[in-house]
């Protein structure tokens, strides 16, 4: 995967990812637990980021289970050292990682960074054991268009567009994910959606402020937003009086049949 804009080596990357984990982890944990993650399972976490999901999975599977956590940059996964966890530098578009077959394969907020998400999904399925579960969680930022603040909407569109520009994708596509997964030949395909409500000054607002800080030069250079408008949006996200919708979450899961 080339041109990834949100390098985990950035000085504030750990803080930025921890804020995202605060928001998403409770939903992820509930969904994975409902699929039956338990002691002895072999799990694959793709695009593991800061490692919170891999760490939770390791606690669930215990010493009789195993977790493989992959990312193109594993600098934030060094704290995962445990007997039942292995971290690997890997690009899912290059194929399924070693260590399979797995009982559970999970990826979160990854596919919108990839030029060919369907190929990535096929590679994930290829390392599932028969009966194993794939669960994908993505984000579609369509709710930001409901805001009555043009500044906020333009900021979020410019931010998300520039985050994924190198992959040739956008962040308004995850509504297509359920059908994409359903045509892969899995059984028991199902899913659910959610969307965040952002208050200025909240951890979720700080996540977007830090993302914009990391992306500032690219955003302004793109011509999609001026520095003044960007600063105005950051001011809104810093104010407890500001409220808006964030991204719409799309979760989809299915079970390998053969």
Protein backbone atom coordinates (compact mmCIF):
# COMPACT_ATOMS: atom_id res chain seq x y z
CA UNK A 1 0.00 0.00 0.00
CA UNK A 2 1.73 3.14 -1.19
CA UNK A 3 1.17 6.78 -0.29
CA UNK A 4 -0.53 6.18 3.07
CA UNK A 5 -1.00 9.69 4.44
CA UNK A 6 -1.35 8.96 8.17
CA UNK A 7 2.09 7.58 9.01
CA UNK A 8 2.15 5.87 12.41
CA UNK A 9 5.67 7.25 12.93
CA UNK A 10 4.23 10.79 13.32
CA UNK A 11 4.96 12.19 16.78
CA UNK A 12 1.27 12.43 17.73
CA UNK A 13 0.11 9.26 15.96
CA UNK A 14 -0.22 7.24 19.15
CA UNK A 15 -2.45 9.89 20.73
CA UNK A 16 -4.52 10.24 17.57
CA UNK A 17 -5.12 6.48 17.32
CA UNK A 18 -5.88 6.16 21.03
CA UNK A 19 -8.69 8.71 20.62
CA UNK A 20 -10.15 6.69 17.75
CA UNK A 21 -9.89 3.53 19.83
CA UNK A 22 -11.82 5.15 22.68
CA UNK A 23 -14.72 5.74 20.32
CA UNK A 24 -14.68 2.50 18.31
CA UNK A 25 -13.42 -0.22 20.66
CA UNK A 26 -16.65 -0.78 22.64
CA UNK A 27 -18.60 -1.45 19.42
CA UNK A 28 -15.85 -3.65 17.99
CA UNK A 29 -15.58 -5.71 21.17
CA UNK A 30 -19.34 -6.21 21.36
CA UNK A 31 -19.53 -7.39 17.75
CA UNK A 32 -16.56 -9.76 17.98
CA UNK A 33 -17.84 -11.22 21.25
CA UNK A 34 -21.23 -11.84 19.60
CA UNK A 35 -19.47 -13.84 16.87
CA UNK A 36 -17.99 -16.11 19.51
CA UNK A 37 -14.37 -15.03 20.04
CA UNK A 38 -13.25 -17.12 23.00
CA UNK A 39 -10.39 -19.08 24.51
CA UNK A 40 -8.28 -21.06 22.07
CA UNK A 41 -9.24 -19.09 18.93
CA UNK A 42 -6.71 -18.06 16.30
CA UNK A 43 -7.31 -14.45 15.27
CA UNK A 44 -5.91 -12.09 12.64
CA UNK A 45 -6.09 -8.31 13.14
CA UNK A 46 -5.25 -6.48 9.90
CA UNK A 47 -4.17 -2.83 10.02
CA UNK A 48 -3.75 -3.14 13.77
CA UNK A 49 -2.78 0.52 14.27
CA UNK A 50 -2.29 1.22 17.97
CA UNK A 51 -3.04 -2.38 18.90
CA UNK A 52 -6.07 -2.03 21.16
CA UNK A 53 -8.18 -4.63 19.33
CA UNK A 54 -5.27 -7.08 19.10
CA UNK A 55 -4.66 -6.62 22.83
CA UNK A 56 -8.32 -7.29 23.63
CA UNK A 57 -8.34 -10.35 21.37
CA UNK A 58 -5.24 -11.70 23.11
CA UNK A 59 -7.02 -11.46 26.46
CA UNK A 60 -10.07 -13.24 25.00
CA UNK A 61 -8.23 -16.18 23.41
CA UNK A 62 -5.87 -16.76 26.32
CA UNK A 63 -2.70 -18.79 26.27
CA UNK A 64 -4.31 -21.57 24.23
CA UNK A 65 -5.16 -19.10 21.45
CA UNK A 66 -3.13 -16.88 19.16
CA UNK A 67 -3.37 -13.40 17.67
CA UNK A 68 -1.48 -12.19 14.61
CA UNK A 69 -1.48 -8.37 14.31
CA UNK A 70 -0.36 -6.86 11.01
CA UNK A 71 0.24 -3.37 9.70
CA UNK A 72 2.48 -1.69 7.14
CA UNK A 73 4.10 0.12 10.09
CA UNK A 74 4.18 -1.77 13.40
CA UNK A 75 6.01 0.92 15.39
CA UNK A 76 2.97 1.34 17.68
CA UNK A 77 2.59 -2.41 18.24
CA UNK A 78 5.80 -2.95 20.20
CA UNK A 79 3.89 -2.88 23.47
CA UNK A 80 1.93 -5.96 22.38
CA UNK A 81 4.71 -8.37 23.33
CA UNK A 82 3.04 -11.51 24.69
CA UNK A 83 3.36 -15.25 24.27
CA UNK A 84 0.10 -15.44 22.31
CA UNK A 85 0.62 -12.36 20.05
CA UNK A 86 2.75 -12.02 16.92
CA UNK A 87 3.20 -8.72 15.06
CA UNK A 88 4.03 -8.74 11.34
CA UNK A 89 4.75 -6.03 8.78
CA UNK A 90 2.36 -6.90 5.98
CA UNK A 91 0.29 -5.34 3.18
CA UNK A 92 -3.00 -7.21 2.76
CA UNK A 93 -3.08 -6.36 -0.95
CA UNK A 94 0.04 -8.52 -1.37
CA UNK A 95 -1.93 -11.60 -0.23
CA UNK A 96 -2.95 -13.27 2.99
CA UNK A 97 -0.36 -13.08 5.78
CA UNK A 98 1.36 -16.20 7.12
CA UNK A 99 0.10 -18.03 10.17
CA UNK A 100 -3.32 -19.16 8.98
CA UNK A 101 -5.85 -20.57 8.89
CA UNK A 102 -7.65 -18.28 11.32
CA UNK A 103 -10.94 -18.57 13.19
CA UNK A 104 -11.51 -14.80 13.04
CA UNK A 105 -10.20 -12.12 10.69
CA UNK A 106 -10.93 -8.47 11.50
CA UNK A 107 -10.07 -5.10 9.95
CA UNK A 108 -11.32 -1.65 10.98
CA UNK A 109 -11.18 1.65 9.08
CA UNK A 110 -8.68 0.10 6.66
CA UNK A 111 -10.38 -0.53 3.33
CA UNK A 112 -10.92 3.13 2.42
CA UNK A 113 -7.13 3.50 2.29
CA UNK A 114 -6.74 0.71 -0.30
CA UNK A 115 -7.02 1.06 -4.08
CA UNK A 116 -8.66 -2.38 -4.37
CA UNK A 117 -10.70 -3.20 -1.24
CA UNK A 118 -12.42 -6.18 -2.85
CA UNK A 119 -9.08 -7.87 -3.52
CA UNK A 120 -8.12 -7.21 0.10
CA UNK A 121 -11.35 -8.88 1.24
CA UNK A 122 -10.64 -11.91 -0.94
CA UNK A 123 -7.16 -12.16 0.56
CA UNK A 124 -8.64 -12.02 4.06
CA UNK A 125 -11.12 -14.78 3.27
CA UNK A 126 -8.33 -16.95 1.84
CA UNK A 127 -6.73 -17.31 5.28
CA UNK A 128 -9.98 -18.15 7.12
CA UNK A 129 -10.56 -21.74 8.11
CA UNK A 130 -13.86 -23.30 6.99
CA UNK A 131 -16.46 -21.92 9.39
CA UNK A 132 -14.23 -18.99 10.33
CA UNK A 133 -15.62 -15.46 10.58
CA UNK A 134 -14.65 -12.29 8.72
CA UNK A 135 -15.68 -8.99 10.29
CA UNK A 136 -15.06 -5.63 8.65
CA UNK A 137 -15.77 -2.19 10.07
CA UNK A 138 -15.65 0.85 7.82
CA UNK A 139 -16.70 4.48 7.82
CA UNK A 140 -18.80 6.46 5.38
CA UNK A 141 -18.83 10.20 6.08
CA UNK A 142 -22.24 10.89 4.53
CA UNK A 143 -23.65 12.23 7.87
CA UNK A 144 -21.38 15.30 7.74
CA UNK A 145 -23.56 16.69 4.94
CA UNK A 146 -26.38 17.07 7.48
CA UNK A 147 -24.48 19.78 9.36
CA UNK A 148 -25.80 23.34 9.28
CA UNK A 149 -22.18 24.53 9.32
CA UNK A 150 -20.76 24.84 5.82
CA UNK A 151 -17.33 25.35 7.37
CA UNK A 152 -17.49 22.00 9.15
CA UNK A 153 -18.84 20.11 6.13
CA UNK A 154 -16.20 21.53 3.77
CA UNK A 155 -13.50 20.79 6.34
CA UNK A 156 -14.53 17.14 6.75
CA UNK A 157 -14.79 16.57 3.00
CA UNK A 158 -11.37 18.14 2.40
CA UNK A 159 -9.85 16.20 5.29
CA UNK A 160 -11.16 12.80 4.25
CA UNK A 161 -10.46 13.38 0.55
CA UNK A 162 -6.82 14.18 1.25
CA UNK A 163 -6.35 11.28 3.66
CA UNK A 164 -7.23 8.76 0.96
CA UNK A 165 -6.24 10.62 -2.23
CA UNK A 166 -3.12 8.50 -2.85
CA UNK A 167 -5.26 5.34 -3.03
CA UNK A 168 -7.65 6.88 -5.56
CA UNK A 169 -10.58 6.29 -3.22
CA UNK A 170 -12.87 8.41 -1.07
CA UNK A 171 -14.51 8.19 2.35
CA UNK A 172 -18.08 8.16 1.05
CA UNK A 173 -18.18 4.58 -0.22
CA UNK A 174 -18.76 2.19 2.71
CA UNK A 175 -22.49 1.99 1.94
CA UNK A 176 -21.31 -0.42 -0.81
CA UNK A 177 -19.47 -2.71 1.64
CA UNK A 178 -22.36 -5.05 2.57
CA UNK A 179 -23.01 -5.99 -1.07
CA UNK A 180 -19.28 -6.31 -1.70
CA UNK A 181 -18.90 -8.81 1.13
CA UNK A 182 -22.13 -10.65 0.27
CA UNK A 183 -20.87 -11.56 -3.21
CA UNK A 184 -17.78 -13.33 -1.82
CA UNK A 185 -19.64 -16.57 -1.17
CA UNK A 186 -19.80 -16.32 2.62
CA UNK A 187 -22.78 -17.53 4.63
CA UNK A 188 -24.63 -15.85 7.50
CA UNK A 189 -23.73 -12.42 6.11
CA UNK A 190 -25.16 -9.64 8.28
CA UNK A 191 -24.27 -6.22 9.58
CA UNK A 192 -25.24 -3.05 11.37
CA UNK A 193 -24.62 0.68 11.22
CA UNK A 194 -23.95 3.53 13.62
CA UNK A 195 -22.90 7.15 13.49
CA UNK A 196 -21.11 9.40 15.91
CA UNK A 197 -22.32 12.66 17.41
CA UNK A 198 -19.39 14.99 17.94
CA UNK A 199 -19.26 17.69 20.59
CA UNK A 200 -16.49 20.24 20.27
CA UNK A 201 -13.71 19.56 22.75
CA UNK A 202 -14.56 15.85 23.05
CA UNK A 203 -12.07 13.02 22.41
CA UNK A 204 -13.67 12.36 19.01
CA UNK A 205 -13.33 16.04 18.10
CA UNK A 206 -9.69 15.94 19.17
CA UNK A 207 -9.14 12.95 16.89
CA UNK A 208 -10.24 15.00 13.87
CA UNK A 209 -8.23 18.03 15.02
CA UNK A 210 -5.07 15.90 15.22
CA UNK A 211 -5.83 14.27 11.87
CA UNK A 212 -6.12 17.73 10.35
CA UNK A 213 -2.87 18.77 11.99
CA UNK A 214 -1.11 15.83 10.36
CA UNK A 215 -2.80 16.53 7.01
CA UNK A 216 -2.69 20.35 7.10
CA UNK A 217 -0.13 20.91 4.34
CA UNK A 218 -1.82 18.49 1.96
CA UNK A 219 -5.26 19.95 2.63
CA UNK A 220 -4.21 23.53 1.93
CA UNK A 221 -2.06 22.53 -1.08
CA UNK A 222 -5.05 20.75 -2.60
CA UNK A 223 -6.94 24.05 -2.86
CA UNK A 224 -10.02 22.44 -1.28
CA UNK A 225 -9.78 24.55 1.87
CA UNK A 226 -7.95 27.71 2.87
CA UNK A 227 -5.83 28.00 5.99
CA UNK A 228 -8.35 30.47 7.41
CA UNK A 229 -11.30 28.10 6.82
CA UNK A 230 -9.30 25.19 8.26
CA UNK A 231 -8.51 27.20 11.39
CA UNK A 232 -12.17 28.17 11.67
CA UNK A 233 -13.19 24.49 11.56
CA UNK A 234 -10.61 23.57 14.20
CA UNK A 235 -12.06 26.33 16.35
CA UNK A 236 -15.53 24.81 16.02
CA UNK A 237 -14.21 21.38 16.96
CA UNK A 238 -12.54 22.90 20.01
CA UNK A 239 -15.71 24.60 21.28
CA UNK A 240 -18.08 22.70 23.63
CA UNK A 241 -20.94 24.67 22.07
CA UNK A 242 -20.46 22.97 18.70
CA UNK A 243 -22.32 19.74 17.83
CA UNK A 244 -22.30 17.77 14.59
CA UNK A 245 -22.54 14.29 13.13
CA UNK A 246 -19.28 12.46 12.47
CA UNK A 247 -18.77 9.43 10.26
CA UNK A 248 -21.30 6.69 9.71
CA UNK A 249 -20.00 3.30 10.79
CA UNK A 250 -20.72 0.23 8.64
CA UNK A 251 -19.99 -3.20 10.13
CA UNK A 252 -20.42 -6.39 8.09
CA UNK A 253 -19.58 -10.00 8.87
CA UNK A 254 -19.84 -13.43 7.30
CA UNK A 255 -18.65 -17.01 7.66
CA UNK A 256 -16.47 -18.98 5.27
CA UNK A 257 -18.30 -22.00 3.89
CA UNK A 258 -15.56 -24.31 2.54
